[in-house]
Amino acid sequence: MLTPFGKFCRKLRIDRNEILKDMASNLNVTVSYLSAVENGKRSIPGSWEHMISDTYNLNQEQRWELQDSIIESEKMIAFPLKETGENSTTLLKALARKSGDLSEEQLRKMFEILN
């Protein structure tokens, strides 16, 4: 699943007529590594915010968009649903939908069950 950071990078590449390989080269990483970061399978390296801002000469608004995309991406958790059974997938999706509605007590009880 493409993260907000991945969406920002994709838009940036499109605007600059670049492909994934070009950006990976600019960041001194492999295409597969950049793709994994954009899809939330790897963490966004801390140095990338400045590298991208400087390499692509981002204006202040774009720098804010980049920073926001990194913050939003770091809030995301990825689950390999293809590797889980139907019940696990259903449970994970329900938890993702309802997590904001659960009280601290409910979350604590669920955590106890899972441990």
PDB file of N, CA and C in Angstrom:
ATOM      1  N   MET A   1       0.837  -1.170   0.000  1.00  0.00           N
ATOM      2  CA  MET A   1       0.000   0.000   0.000  1.00  0.00           C
ATOM      3  C   MET A   1       0.888   1.241   0.000  1.00  0.00           C
ATOM      4  N   LEU A   2       0.666   2.104  -0.926  1.00  0.00           N
ATOM      5  CA  LEU A   2       1.451   3.322  -1.042  1.00  0.00           C
ATOM      6  C   LEU A   2       1.159   4.236   0.140  1.00  0.00           C
ATOM      7  N   THR A   3       2.190   4.682   0.820  1.00  0.00           N
ATOM      8  CA  THR A   3       2.052   5.568   1.976  1.00  0.00           C
ATOM      9  C   THR A   3       1.924   7.015   1.500  1.00  0.00           C
ATOM     10  N   PRO A   4       1.547   7.932   2.411  1.00  0.00           N
ATOM     11  CA  PRO A   4       1.551   9.346   2.018  1.00  0.00           C
ATOM     12  C   PRO A   4       2.927   9.797   1.515  1.00  0.00           C
ATOM     13  N   PHE A   5       3.995   9.280   2.118  1.00  0.00           N
ATOM     14  CA  PHE A   5       5.339   9.602   1.640  1.00  0.00           C
ATOM     15  C   PHE A   5       5.527   9.065   0.222  1.00  0.00           C
ATOM     16  N   GLY A   6       5.069   7.853  -0.027  1.00  0.00           N
ATOM     17  CA  GLY A   6       5.166   7.270  -1.358  1.00  0.00           C
ATOM     18  C   GLY A   6       4.393   8.079  -2.388  1.00  0.00           C
ATOM     19  N   LYS A   7       3.214   8.560  -1.996  1.00  0.00           N
ATOM     20  CA  LYS A   7       2.415   9.394  -2.903  1.00  0.00           C
ATOM     21  C   LYS A   7       3.129  10.706  -3.200  1.00  0.00           C
ATOM     22  N   PHE A   8       3.746  11.299  -2.162  1.00  0.00           N
ATOM     23  CA  PHE A   8       4.492  12.540  -2.372  1.00  0.00           C
ATOM     24  C   PHE A   8       5.626  12.299  -3.360  1.00  0.00           C
ATOM     25  N   CYS A   9       6.383  11.229  -3.144  1.00  0.00           N
ATOM     26  CA  CYS A   9       7.525  10.937  -4.021  1.00  0.00           C
ATOM     27  C   CYS A   9       7.076  10.645  -5.444  1.00  0.00           C
ATOM     28  N   ARG A  10       5.992   9.901  -5.586  1.00  0.00           N
ATOM     29  CA  ARG A  10       5.484   9.591  -6.924  1.00  0.00           C
ATOM     30  C   ARG A  10       5.082  10.865  -7.656  1.00  0.00           C
ATOM     31  N   LYS A  11       4.358  11.751  -6.962  1.00  0.00           N
ATOM     32  CA  LYS A  11       3.960  13.022  -7.580  1.00  0.00           C
ATOM     33  C   LYS A  11       5.190  13.843  -7.955  1.00  0.00           C
ATOM     34  N   LEU A  12       6.162  13.875  -7.062  1.00  0.00           N
ATOM     35  CA  LEU A  12       7.397  14.617  -7.334  1.00  0.00           C
ATOM     36  C   LEU A  12       8.083  14.070  -8.588  1.00  0.00           C
ATOM     37  N   ARG A  13       8.142  12.745  -8.701  1.00  0.00           N
ATOM     38  CA  ARG A  13       8.769  12.137  -9.892  1.00  0.00           C
ATOM     39  C   ARG A  13       7.997  12.481 -11.155  1.00  0.00           C
ATOM     40  N   ILE A  14       6.690  12.408 -11.081  1.00  0.00           N
ATOM     41  CA  ILE A  14       5.869  12.724 -12.258  1.00  0.00           C
ATOM     42  C   ILE A  14       6.084  14.171 -12.671  1.00  0.00           C
ATOM     43  N   ASP A  15       6.073  15.078 -11.676  1.00  0.00           N
ATOM     44  CA  ASP A  15       6.276  16.495 -11.980  1.00  0.00           C
ATOM     45  C   ASP A  15       7.646  16.764 -12.594  1.00  0.00           C
ATOM     46  N   ARG A  16       8.626  15.935 -12.255  1.00  0.00           N
ATOM     47  CA  ARG A  16      10.000  16.137 -12.749  1.00  0.00           C
ATOM     48  C   ARG A  16      10.347  15.202 -13.908  1.00  0.00           C
ATOM     49  N   ASN A  17       9.365  14.469 -14.400  1.00  0.00           N
ATOM     50  CA  ASN A  17       9.593  13.509 -15.484  1.00  0.00           C
ATOM     51  C   ASN A  17      10.680  12.500 -15.133  1.00  0.00           C
ATOM     52  N   GLU A  18      10.630  11.995 -13.908  1.00  0.00           N
ATOM     53  CA  GLU A  18      11.581  10.989 -13.454  1.00  0.00           C
ATOM     54  C   GLU A  18      10.859   9.666 -13.252  1.00  0.00           C
ATOM     55  N   ILE A  19      11.641   8.622 -13.237  1.00  0.00           N
ATOM     56  CA  ILE A  19      11.124   7.304 -12.897  1.00  0.00           C
ATOM     57  C   ILE A  19      11.733   6.912 -11.551  1.00  0.00           C
ATOM     58  N   LEU A  20      11.226   5.832 -10.999  1.00  0.00           N
ATOM     59  CA  LEU A  20      11.678   5.363  -9.690  1.00  0.00           C
ATOM     60  C   LEU A  20      13.191   5.192  -9.653  1.00  0.00           C
ATOM     61  N   LYS A  21      13.749   4.690 -10.737  1.00  0.00           N
ATOM     62  CA  LYS A  21      15.189   4.469 -10.811  1.00  0.00           C
ATOM     63  C   LYS A  21      15.969   5.775 -10.654  1.00  0.00           C
ATOM     64  N   ASP A  22      15.456   6.859 -11.234  1.00  0.00           N
ATOM     65  CA  ASP A  22      16.128   8.154 -11.124  1.00  0.00           C
ATOM     66  C   ASP A  22      16.177   8.636  -9.680  1.00  0.00           C
ATOM     67  N   MET A  23      15.028   8.542  -8.991  1.00  0.00           N
ATOM     68  CA  MET A  23      14.992   8.998  -7.607  1.00  0.00           C
ATOM     69  C   MET A  23      15.859   8.101  -6.728  1.00  0.00           C
ATOM     70  N   ALA A  24      15.820   6.811  -6.957  1.00  0.00           N
ATOM     71  CA  ALA A  24      16.655   5.898  -6.181  1.00  0.00           C
ATOM     72  C   ALA A  24      18.122   6.253  -6.347  1.00  0.00           C
ATOM     73  N   SER A  25      18.514   6.560  -7.561  1.00  0.00           N
ATOM     74  CA  SER A  25      19.893   6.958  -7.827  1.00  0.00           C
ATOM     75  C   SER A  25      20.238   8.250  -7.087  1.00  0.00           C
ATOM     76  N   ASN A  26      19.320   9.216  -7.091  1.00  0.00           N
ATOM     77  CA  ASN A  26      19.540  10.479  -6.390  1.00  0.00           C
ATOM     78  C   ASN A  26      19.675  10.287  -4.879  1.00  0.00           C
ATOM     79  N   LEU A  27      19.009   9.254  -4.343  1.00  0.00           N
ATOM     80  CA  LEU A  27      19.056   8.978  -2.904  1.00  0.00           C
ATOM     81  C   LEU A  27      20.130   7.939  -2.551  1.00  0.00           C
ATOM     82  N   ASN A  28      20.844   7.476  -3.566  1.00  0.00           N
ATOM     83  CA  ASN A  28      21.914   6.478  -3.378  1.00  0.00           C
ATOM     84  C   ASN A  28      21.410   5.171  -2.767  1.00  0.00           C
ATOM     85  N   VAL A  29      20.245   4.720  -3.261  1.00  0.00           N
ATOM     86  CA  VAL A  29      19.687   3.451  -2.812  1.00  0.00           C
ATOM     87  C   VAL A  29      19.222   2.660  -4.039  1.00  0.00           C
ATOM     88  N   THR A  30      18.874   1.409  -3.813  1.00  0.00           N
ATOM     89  CA  THR A  30      18.354   0.596  -4.909  1.00  0.00           C
ATOM     90  C   THR A  30      16.885   0.929  -5.158  1.00  0.00           C
ATOM     91  N   VAL A  31      16.426   0.583  -6.324  1.00  0.00           N
ATOM     92  CA  VAL A  31      15.022   0.777  -6.677  1.00  0.00           C
ATOM     93  C   VAL A  31      14.131  -0.011  -5.714  1.00  0.00           C
ATOM     94  N   SER A  32      14.534  -1.232  -5.403  1.00  0.00           N
ATOM     95  CA  SER A  32      13.708  -2.057  -4.518  1.00  0.00           C
ATOM     96  C   SER A  32      13.623  -1.460  -3.116  1.00  0.00           C
ATOM     97  N   TYR A  33      14.702  -0.856  -2.630  1.00  0.00           N
ATOM     98  CA  TYR A  33      14.684  -0.240  -1.307  1.00  0.00           C
ATOM     99  C   TYR A  33      13.747   0.968  -1.299  1.00  0.00           C
ATOM    100  N   LEU A  34      13.859   1.841  -2.301  1.00  0.00           N
ATOM    101  CA  LEU A  34      12.989   3.003  -2.389  1.00  0.00           C
ATOM    102  C   LEU A  34      11.532   2.564  -2.477  1.00  0.00           C
ATOM    103  N   SER A  35      11.258   1.566  -3.275  1.00  0.00           N
ATOM    104  CA  SER A  35       9.902   1.052  -3.410  1.00  0.00           C
ATOM    105  C   SER A  35       9.379   0.524  -2.065  1.00  0.00           C
ATOM    106  N   ALA A  36      10.216  -0.185  -1.330  1.00  0.00           N
ATOM    107  CA  ALA A  36       9.812  -0.717  -0.020  1.00  0.00           C
ATOM    108  C   ALA A  36       9.501   0.415   0.956  1.00  0.00           C
ATOM    109  N   VAL A  37      10.267   1.492   0.915  1.00  0.00           N
ATOM    110  CA  VAL A  37      10.011   2.641   1.787  1.00  0.00           C
ATOM    111  C   VAL A  37       8.690   3.295   1.388  1.00  0.00           C
ATOM    112  N   GLU A  38       8.486   3.493   0.099  1.00  0.00           N
ATOM    113  CA  GLU A  38       7.255   4.136  -0.373  1.00  0.00           C
ATOM    114  C   GLU A  38       6.020   3.314  -0.029  1.00  0.00           C
ATOM    115  N   ASN A  39       6.161   2.014   0.035  1.00  0.00           N
ATOM    116  CA  ASN A  39       5.028   1.137   0.321  1.00  0.00           C
ATOM    117  C   ASN A  39       4.905   0.779   1.796  1.00  0.00           C
ATOM    118  N   GLY A  40       5.713   1.399   2.641  1.00  0.00           N
ATOM    119  CA  GLY A  40       5.608   1.193   4.073  1.00  0.00           C
ATOM    120  C   GLY A  40       6.209  -0.096   4.588  1.00  0.00           C
ATOM    121  N   LYS A  41       6.977  -0.781   3.750  1.00  0.00           N
ATOM    122  CA  LYS A  41       7.608  -2.025   4.177  1.00  0.00           C
ATOM    123  C   LYS A  41       8.944  -1.766   4.862  1.00  0.00           C
ATOM    124  N   ARG A  42       9.464  -0.572   4.700  1.00  0.00           N
ATOM    125  CA  ARG A  42      10.700  -0.124   5.358  1.00  0.00           C
ATOM    126  C   ARG A  42      10.463   1.269   5.905  1.00  0.00           C
ATOM    127  N   SER A  43      11.176   1.608   6.969  1.00  0.00           N
ATOM    128  CA  SER A  43      11.071   2.946   7.556  1.00  0.00           C
ATOM    129  C   SER A  43      11.735   3.986   6.658  1.00  0.00           C
ATOM    130  N   ILE A  44      11.251   5.199   6.758  1.00  0.00           N
ATOM    131  CA  ILE A  44      11.825   6.301   5.991  1.00  0.00           C
ATOM    132  C   ILE A  44      13.105   6.744   6.696  1.00  0.00           C
ATOM    133  N   PRO A  45      14.246   6.648   6.036  1.00  0.00           N
ATOM    134  CA  PRO A  45      15.495   7.095   6.670  1.00  0.00           C
ATOM    135  C   PRO A  45      15.417   8.571   7.067  1.00  0.00           C
ATOM    136  N   GLY A  46      15.928   8.887   8.243  1.00  0.00           N
ATOM    137  CA  GLY A  46      15.855  10.249   8.761  1.00  0.00           C
ATOM    138  C   GLY A  46      16.503  11.292   7.873  1.00  0.00           C
ATOM    139  N   SER A  47      17.518  10.910   7.146  1.00  0.00           N
ATOM    140  CA  SER A  47      18.237  11.872   6.300  1.00  0.00           C
ATOM    141  C   SER A  47      17.487  12.217   5.019  1.00  0.00           C
ATOM    142  N   TRP A  48      16.472  11.452   4.674  1.00  0.00           N
ATOM    143  CA  TRP A  48      15.813  11.653   3.394  1.00  0.00           C
ATOM    144  C   TRP A  48      15.058  12.965   3.284  1.00  0.00           C
ATOM    145  N   GLU A  49      14.500  13.454   4.379  1.00  0.00           N
ATOM    146  CA  GLU A  49      13.756  14.712   4.283  1.00  0.00           C
ATOM    147  C   GLU A  49      14.657  15.810   3.730  1.00  0.00           C
ATOM    148  N   HIS A  50      15.854  15.938   4.273  1.00  0.00           N
ATOM    149  CA  HIS A  50      16.779  16.969   3.801  1.00  0.00           C
ATOM    150  C   HIS A  50      17.347  16.622   2.425  1.00  0.00           C
ATOM    151  N   MET A  51      17.633  15.350   2.196  1.00  0.00           N
ATOM    152  CA  MET A  51      18.169  14.955   0.888  1.00  0.00           C
ATOM    153  C   MET A  51      17.183  15.280  -0.230  1.00  0.00           C
ATOM    154  N   ILE A  52      15.924  14.924  -0.016  1.00  0.00           N
ATOM    155  CA  ILE A  52      14.912  15.175  -1.044  1.00  0.00           C
ATOM    156  C   ILE A  52      14.697  16.671  -1.217  1.00  0.00           C
ATOM    157  N   SER A  53      14.598  17.401  -0.101  1.00  0.00           N
ATOM    158  CA  SER A  53      14.402  18.853  -0.169  1.00  0.00           C
ATOM    159  C   SER A  53      15.521  19.525  -0.946  1.00  0.00           C
ATOM    160  N   ASP A  54      16.751  19.134  -0.655  1.00  0.00           N
ATOM    161  CA  ASP A  54      17.900  19.757  -1.309  1.00  0.00           C
ATOM    162  C   ASP A  54      18.065  19.288  -2.754  1.00  0.00           C
ATOM    163  N   THR A  55      17.979  17.985  -2.972  1.00  0.00           N
ATOM    164  CA  THR A  55      18.173  17.426  -4.314  1.00  0.00           C
ATOM    165  C   THR A  55      17.152  17.957  -5.308  1.00  0.00           C
ATOM    166  N   TYR A  56      15.902  18.091  -4.843  1.00  0.00           N
ATOM    167  CA  TYR A  56      14.832  18.507  -5.736  1.00  0.00           C
ATOM    168  C   TYR A  56      14.496  19.996  -5.588  1.00  0.00           C
ATOM    169  N   ASN A  57      15.321  20.722  -4.819  1.00  0.00           N
ATOM    170  CA  ASN A  57      15.164  22.164  -4.658  1.00  0.00           C
ATOM    171  C   ASN A  57      13.708  22.529  -4.343  1.00  0.00           C
ATOM    172  N   LEU A  58      13.157  21.893  -3.307  1.00  0.00           N
ATOM    173  CA  LEU A  58      11.758  22.101  -2.954  1.00  0.00           C
ATOM    174  C   LEU A  58      11.549  23.486  -2.353  1.00  0.00           C
ATOM    175  N   ASN A  59      10.422  24.096  -2.705  1.00  0.00           N
ATOM    176  CA  ASN A  59      10.081  25.368  -2.078  1.00  0.00           C
ATOM    177  C   ASN A  59       9.512  25.095  -0.690  1.00  0.00           C
ATOM    178  N   GLN A  60       9.216  26.148   0.068  1.00  0.00           N
ATOM    179  CA  GLN A  60       8.785  25.961   1.456  1.00  0.00           C
ATOM    180  C   GLN A  60       7.499  25.155   1.558  1.00  0.00           C
ATOM    181  N   GLU A  61       6.543  25.409   0.679  1.00  0.00           N
ATOM    182  CA  GLU A  61       5.279  24.660   0.707  1.00  0.00           C
ATOM    183  C   GLU A  61       5.526  23.171   0.435  1.00  0.00           C
ATOM    184  N   GLN A  62       6.368  22.868  -0.530  1.00  0.00           N
ATOM    185  CA  GLN A  62       6.689  21.470  -0.837  1.00  0.00           C
ATOM    186  C   GLN A  62       7.419  20.809   0.329  1.00  0.00           C
ATOM    187  N   ARG A  63       8.264  21.564   1.007  1.00  0.00           N
ATOM    188  CA  ARG A  63       8.980  21.023   2.172  1.00  0.00           C
ATOM    189  C   ARG A  63       7.989  20.668   3.271  1.00  0.00           C
ATOM    190  N   TRP A  64       6.975  21.509   3.473  1.00  0.00           N
ATOM    191  CA  TRP A  64       5.941  21.207   4.464  1.00  0.00           C
ATOM    192  C   TRP A  64       5.155  19.966   4.059  1.00  0.00           C
ATOM    193  N   GLU A  65       4.820  19.869   2.764  1.00  0.00           N
ATOM    194  CA  GLU A  65       4.105  18.690   2.271  1.00  0.00           C
ATOM    195  C   GLU A  65       4.930  17.424   2.491  1.00  0.00           C
ATOM    196  N   LEU A  66       6.218  17.517   2.211  1.00  0.00           N
ATOM    197  CA  LEU A  66       7.112  16.378   2.421  1.00  0.00           C
ATOM    198  C   LEU A  66       7.131  15.998   3.892  1.00  0.00           C
ATOM    199  N   GLN A  67       7.300  16.982   4.762  1.00  0.00           N
ATOM    200  CA  GLN A  67       7.347  16.717   6.202  1.00  0.00           C
ATOM    201  C   GLN A  67       6.037  16.089   6.678  1.00  0.00           C
ATOM    202  N   ASP A  68       4.907  16.627   6.229  1.00  0.00           N
ATOM    203  CA  ASP A  68       3.604  16.062   6.602  1.00  0.00           C
ATOM    204  C   ASP A  68       3.459  14.633   6.105  1.00  0.00           C
ATOM    205  N   SER A  69       3.938  14.366   4.889  1.00  0.00           N
ATOM    206  CA  SER A  69       3.814  13.007   4.332  1.00  0.00           C
ATOM    207  C   SER A  69       4.647  12.014   5.144  1.00  0.00           C
ATOM    208  N   ILE A  70       5.795  12.459   5.641  1.00  0.00           N
ATOM    209  CA  ILE A  70       6.638  11.597   6.468  1.00  0.00           C
ATOM    210  C   ILE A  70       5.949  11.323   7.798  1.00  0.00           C
ATOM    211  N   ILE A  71       5.402  12.363   8.422  1.00  0.00           N
ATOM    212  CA  ILE A  71       4.707  12.197   9.702  1.00  0.00           C
ATOM    213  C   ILE A  71       3.527  11.253   9.549  1.00  0.00           C
ATOM    214  N   GLU A  72       2.716  11.456   8.520  1.00  0.00           N
ATOM    215  CA  GLU A  72       1.538  10.596   8.304  1.00  0.00           C
ATOM    216  C   GLU A  72       1.946   9.159   7.994  1.00  0.00           C
ATOM    217  N   SER A  73       3.013   8.985   7.247  1.00  0.00           N
ATOM    218  CA  SER A  73       3.477   7.636   6.903  1.00  0.00           C
ATOM    219  C   SER A  73       3.980   6.898   8.125  1.00  0.00           C
ATOM    220  N   GLU A  74       4.612   7.617   9.039  1.00  0.00           N
ATOM    221  CA  GLU A  74       5.148   6.977  10.237  1.00  0.00           C
ATOM    222  C   GLU A  74       4.045   6.526  11.185  1.00  0.00           C
ATOM    223  N   LYS A  75       2.835   7.058  11.008  1.00  0.00           N
ATOM    224  CA  LYS A  75       1.693   6.646  11.831  1.00  0.00           C
ATOM    225  C   LYS A  75       1.089   5.333  11.342  1.00  0.00           C
ATOM    226  N   MET A  76       1.441   4.929  10.131  1.00  0.00           N
ATOM    227  CA  MET A  76       0.838   3.749   9.515  1.00  0.00           C
ATOM    228  C   MET A  76       1.546   2.477   9.957  1.00  0.00           C
ATOM    229  N   ILE A  77       0.757   1.406  10.028  1.00  0.00           N
ATOM    230  CA  ILE A  77       1.288   0.084  10.317  1.00  0.00           C
ATOM    231  C   ILE A  77       0.845  -0.831   9.183  1.00  0.00           C
ATOM    232  N   ALA A  78       1.756  -1.587   8.635  1.00  0.00           N
ATOM    233  CA  ALA A  78       1.428  -2.495   7.537  1.00  0.00           C
ATOM    234  C   ALA A  78       1.344  -3.929   8.052  1.00  0.00           C
ATOM    235  N   PHE A  79       0.339  -4.646   7.591  1.00  0.00           N
ATOM    236  CA  PHE A  79       0.181  -6.055   7.914  1.00  0.00           C
ATOM    237  C   PHE A  79       0.186  -6.851   6.613  1.00  0.00           C
ATOM    238  N   PRO A  80       0.921  -7.942   6.566  1.00  0.00           N
ATOM    239  CA  PRO A  80       0.938  -8.779   5.357  1.00  0.00           C
ATOM    240  C   PRO A  80      -0.310  -9.650   5.301  1.00  0.00           C
ATOM    241  N   LEU A  81      -1.425  -9.084   4.847  1.00  0.00           N
ATOM    242  CA  LEU A  81      -2.697  -9.793   4.874  1.00  0.00           C
ATOM    243  C   LEU A  81      -2.715 -11.034   3.984  1.00  0.00           C
ATOM    244  N   LYS A  82      -1.891 -11.055   2.965  1.00  0.00           N
ATOM    245  CA  LYS A  82      -1.847 -12.226   2.092  1.00  0.00           C
ATOM    246  C   LYS A  82      -1.365 -13.466   2.838  1.00  0.00           C
ATOM    247  N   GLU A  83      -0.612 -13.228   3.912  1.00  0.00           N
ATOM    248  CA  GLU A  83      -0.023 -14.335   4.658  1.00  0.00           C
ATOM    249  C   GLU A  83      -0.882 -14.769   5.844  1.00  0.00           C
ATOM    250  N   THR A  84      -2.024 -14.116   6.053  1.00  0.00           N
ATOM    251  CA  THR A  84      -2.878 -14.469   7.178  1.00  0.00           C
ATOM    252  C   THR A  84      -4.108 -15.201   6.680  1.00  0.00           C
ATOM    253  N   GLY A  85      -4.748 -15.897   7.594  1.00  0.00           N
ATOM    254  CA  GLY A  85      -5.990 -16.579   7.248  1.00  0.00           C
ATOM    255  C   GLY A  85      -7.136 -15.585   7.195  1.00  0.00           C
ATOM    256  N   GLU A  86      -8.292 -16.070   6.765  1.00  0.00           N
ATOM    257  CA  GLU A  86      -9.458 -15.197   6.605  1.00  0.00           C
ATOM    258  C   GLU A  86      -9.870 -14.564   7.933  1.00  0.00           C
ATOM    259  N   ASN A  87      -9.862 -15.335   9.016  1.00  0.00           N
ATOM    260  CA  ASN A  87     -10.255 -14.792  10.319  1.00  0.00           C
ATOM    261  C   ASN A  87      -9.278 -13.716  10.790  1.00  0.00           C
ATOM    262  N   SER A  88      -7.996 -13.950  10.592  1.00  0.00           N
ATOM    263  CA  SER A  88      -6.993 -12.962  10.995  1.00  0.00           C
ATOM    264  C   SER A  88      -7.153 -11.675  10.191  1.00  0.00           C
ATOM    265  N   THR A  89      -7.378 -11.817   8.912  1.00  0.00           N
ATOM    266  CA  THR A  89      -7.554 -10.656   8.054  1.00  0.00           C
ATOM    267  C   THR A  89      -8.773  -9.846   8.491  1.00  0.00           C
ATOM    268  N   THR A  90      -9.876 -10.525   8.755  1.00  0.00           N
ATOM    269  CA  THR A  90     -11.099  -9.851   9.195  1.00  0.00           C
ATOM    270  C   THR A  90     -10.875  -9.138  10.519  1.00  0.00           C
ATOM    271  N   LEU A  91     -10.194  -9.794  11.448  1.00  0.00           N
ATOM    272  CA  LEU A  91      -9.910  -9.197  12.745  1.00  0.00           C
ATOM    273  C   LEU A  91      -9.031  -7.951  12.606  1.00  0.00           C
ATOM    274  N   LEU A  92      -7.969  -8.038  11.804  1.00  0.00           N
ATOM    275  CA  LEU A  92      -7.067  -6.901  11.626  1.00  0.00           C
ATOM    276  C   LEU A  92      -7.782  -5.714  10.986  1.00  0.00           C
ATOM    277  N   LYS A  93      -8.630  -5.978  10.015  1.00  0.00           N
ATOM    278  CA  LYS A  93      -9.370  -4.896   9.372  1.00  0.00           C
ATOM    279  C   LYS A  93     -10.350  -4.248  10.346  1.00  0.00           C
ATOM    280  N   ALA A  94     -11.031  -5.062  11.156  1.00  0.00           N
ATOM    281  CA  ALA A  94     -11.969  -4.523  12.142  1.00  0.00           C
ATOM    282  C   ALA A  94     -11.232  -3.689  13.181  1.00  0.00           C
ATOM    283  N   LEU A  95     -10.089  -4.170  13.626  1.00  0.00           N
ATOM    284  CA  LEU A  95      -9.295  -3.425  14.596  1.00  0.00           C
ATOM    285  C   LEU A  95      -8.842  -2.085  14.017  1.00  0.00           C
ATOM    286  N   ALA A  96      -8.427  -2.088  12.772  1.00  0.00           N
ATOM    287  CA  ALA A  96      -7.995  -0.840  12.132  1.00  0.00           C
ATOM    288  C   ALA A  96      -9.147   0.160  12.048  1.00  0.00           C
ATOM    289  N   ARG A  97     -10.348  -0.328  11.724  1.00  0.00           N
ATOM    290  CA  ARG A  97     -11.509   0.558  11.611  1.00  0.00           C
ATOM    291  C   ARG A  97     -11.937   1.117  12.961  1.00  0.00           C
ATOM    292  N   LYS A  98     -11.893   0.292  13.985  1.00  0.00           N
ATOM    293  CA  LYS A  98     -12.462   0.660  15.283  1.00  0.00           C
ATOM    294  C   LYS A  98     -11.454   1.135  16.313  1.00  0.00           C
ATOM    295  N   SER A  99     -10.172   1.108  16.011  1.00  0.00           N
ATOM    296  CA  SER A  99      -9.155   1.395  17.026  1.00  0.00           C
ATOM    297  C   SER A  99      -9.342   2.760  17.684  1.00  0.00           C
ATOM    298  N   GLY A 100      -9.783   3.739  16.937  1.00  0.00           N
ATOM    299  CA  GLY A 100      -9.984   5.067  17.504  1.00  0.00           C
ATOM    300  C   GLY A 100     -11.182   5.166  18.420  1.00  0.00           C
ATOM    301  N   ASP A 101     -12.076   4.182  18.347  1.00  0.00           N
ATOM    302  CA  ASP A 101     -13.294   4.200  19.161  1.00  0.00           C
ATOM    303  C   ASP A 101     -13.153   3.421  20.463  1.00  0.00           C
ATOM    304  N   LEU A 102     -12.048   2.711  20.636  1.00  0.00           N
ATOM    305  CA  LEU A 102     -11.878   1.860  21.814  1.00  0.00           C
ATOM    306  C   LEU A 102     -11.339   2.663  22.992  1.00  0.00           C
ATOM    307  N   SER A 103     -11.840   2.350  24.180  1.00  0.00           N
ATOM    308  CA  SER A 103     -11.350   3.021  25.390  1.00  0.00           C
ATOM    309  C   SER A 103      -9.996   2.419  25.775  1.00  0.00           C
ATOM    310  N   GLU A 104      -9.311   3.106  26.667  1.00  0.00           N
ATOM    311  CA  GLU A 104      -8.032   2.596  27.169  1.00  0.00           C
ATOM    312  C   GLU A 104      -8.227   1.253  27.863  1.00  0.00           C
ATOM    313  N   GLU A 105      -9.318   1.120  28.570  1.00  0.00           N
ATOM    314  CA  GLU A 105      -9.611  -0.140  29.266  1.00  0.00           C
ATOM    315  C   GLU A 105      -9.824  -1.281  28.259  1.00  0.00           C
ATOM    316  N   GLN A 106     -10.571  -1.025  27.201  1.00  0.00           N
ATOM    317  CA  GLN A 106     -10.792  -2.040  26.172  1.00  0.00           C
ATOM    318  C   GLN A 106      -9.478  -2.425  25.500  1.00  0.00           C
ATOM    319  N   LEU A 107      -8.660  -1.433  25.208  1.00  0.00           N
ATOM    320  CA  LEU A 107      -7.362  -1.710  24.593  1.00  0.00           C
ATOM    321  C   LEU A 107      -6.477  -2.532  25.525  1.00  0.00           C
ATOM    322  N   ARG A 108      -6.493  -2.202  26.821  1.00  0.00           N
ATOM    323  CA  ARG A 108      -5.699  -2.943  27.797  1.00  0.00           C
ATOM    324  C   ARG A 108      -6.141  -4.401  27.857  1.00  0.00           C
ATOM    325  N   LYS A 109      -7.453  -4.641  27.856  1.00  0.00           N
ATOM    326  CA  LYS A 109      -7.982  -6.005  27.891  1.00  0.00           C
ATOM    327  C   LYS A 109      -7.574  -6.785  26.638  1.00  0.00           C
ATOM    328  N   MET A 110      -7.659  -6.128  25.512  1.00  0.00           N
ATOM    329  CA  MET A 110      -7.259  -6.797  24.263  1.00  0.00           C
ATOM    330  C   MET A 110      -5.769  -7.140  24.297  1.00  0.00           C
ATOM    331  N   PHE A 111      -4.977  -6.224  24.803  1.00  0.00           N
ATOM    332  CA  PHE A 111      -3.547  -6.456  24.900  1.00  0.00           C
ATOM    333  C   PHE A 111      -3.254  -7.650  25.811  1.00  0.00           C
ATOM    334  N   GLU A 112      -3.989  -7.747  26.931  1.00  0.00           N
ATOM    335  CA  GLU A 112      -3.810  -8.878  27.841  1.00  0.00           C
ATOM    336  C   GLU A 112      -4.147 -10.204  27.169  1.00  0.00           C
ATOM    337  N   ILE A 113      -5.219 -10.188  26.384  1.00  0.00           N
ATOM    338  CA  ILE A 113      -5.606 -11.406  25.658  1.00  0.00           C
ATOM    339  C   ILE A 113      -4.509 -11.822  24.675  1.00  0.00           C
ATOM    340  N   LEU A 114      -3.978 -10.858  23.970  1.00  0.00           N
ATOM    341  CA  LEU A 114      -2.971 -11.152  22.955  1.00  0.00           C
ATOM    342  C   LEU A 114      -1.640 -11.588  23.539  1.00  0.00           C
ATOM    343  N   ASN A 115      -1.368 -11.184  24.759  1.00  0.00           N
ATOM    344  CA  ASN A 115      -0.130 -11.601  25.406  1.00  0.00           C
ATOM    345  C   ASN A 115      -0.357 -12.893  26.143  1.00  0.00           C
TER     346      ASN A 115
END
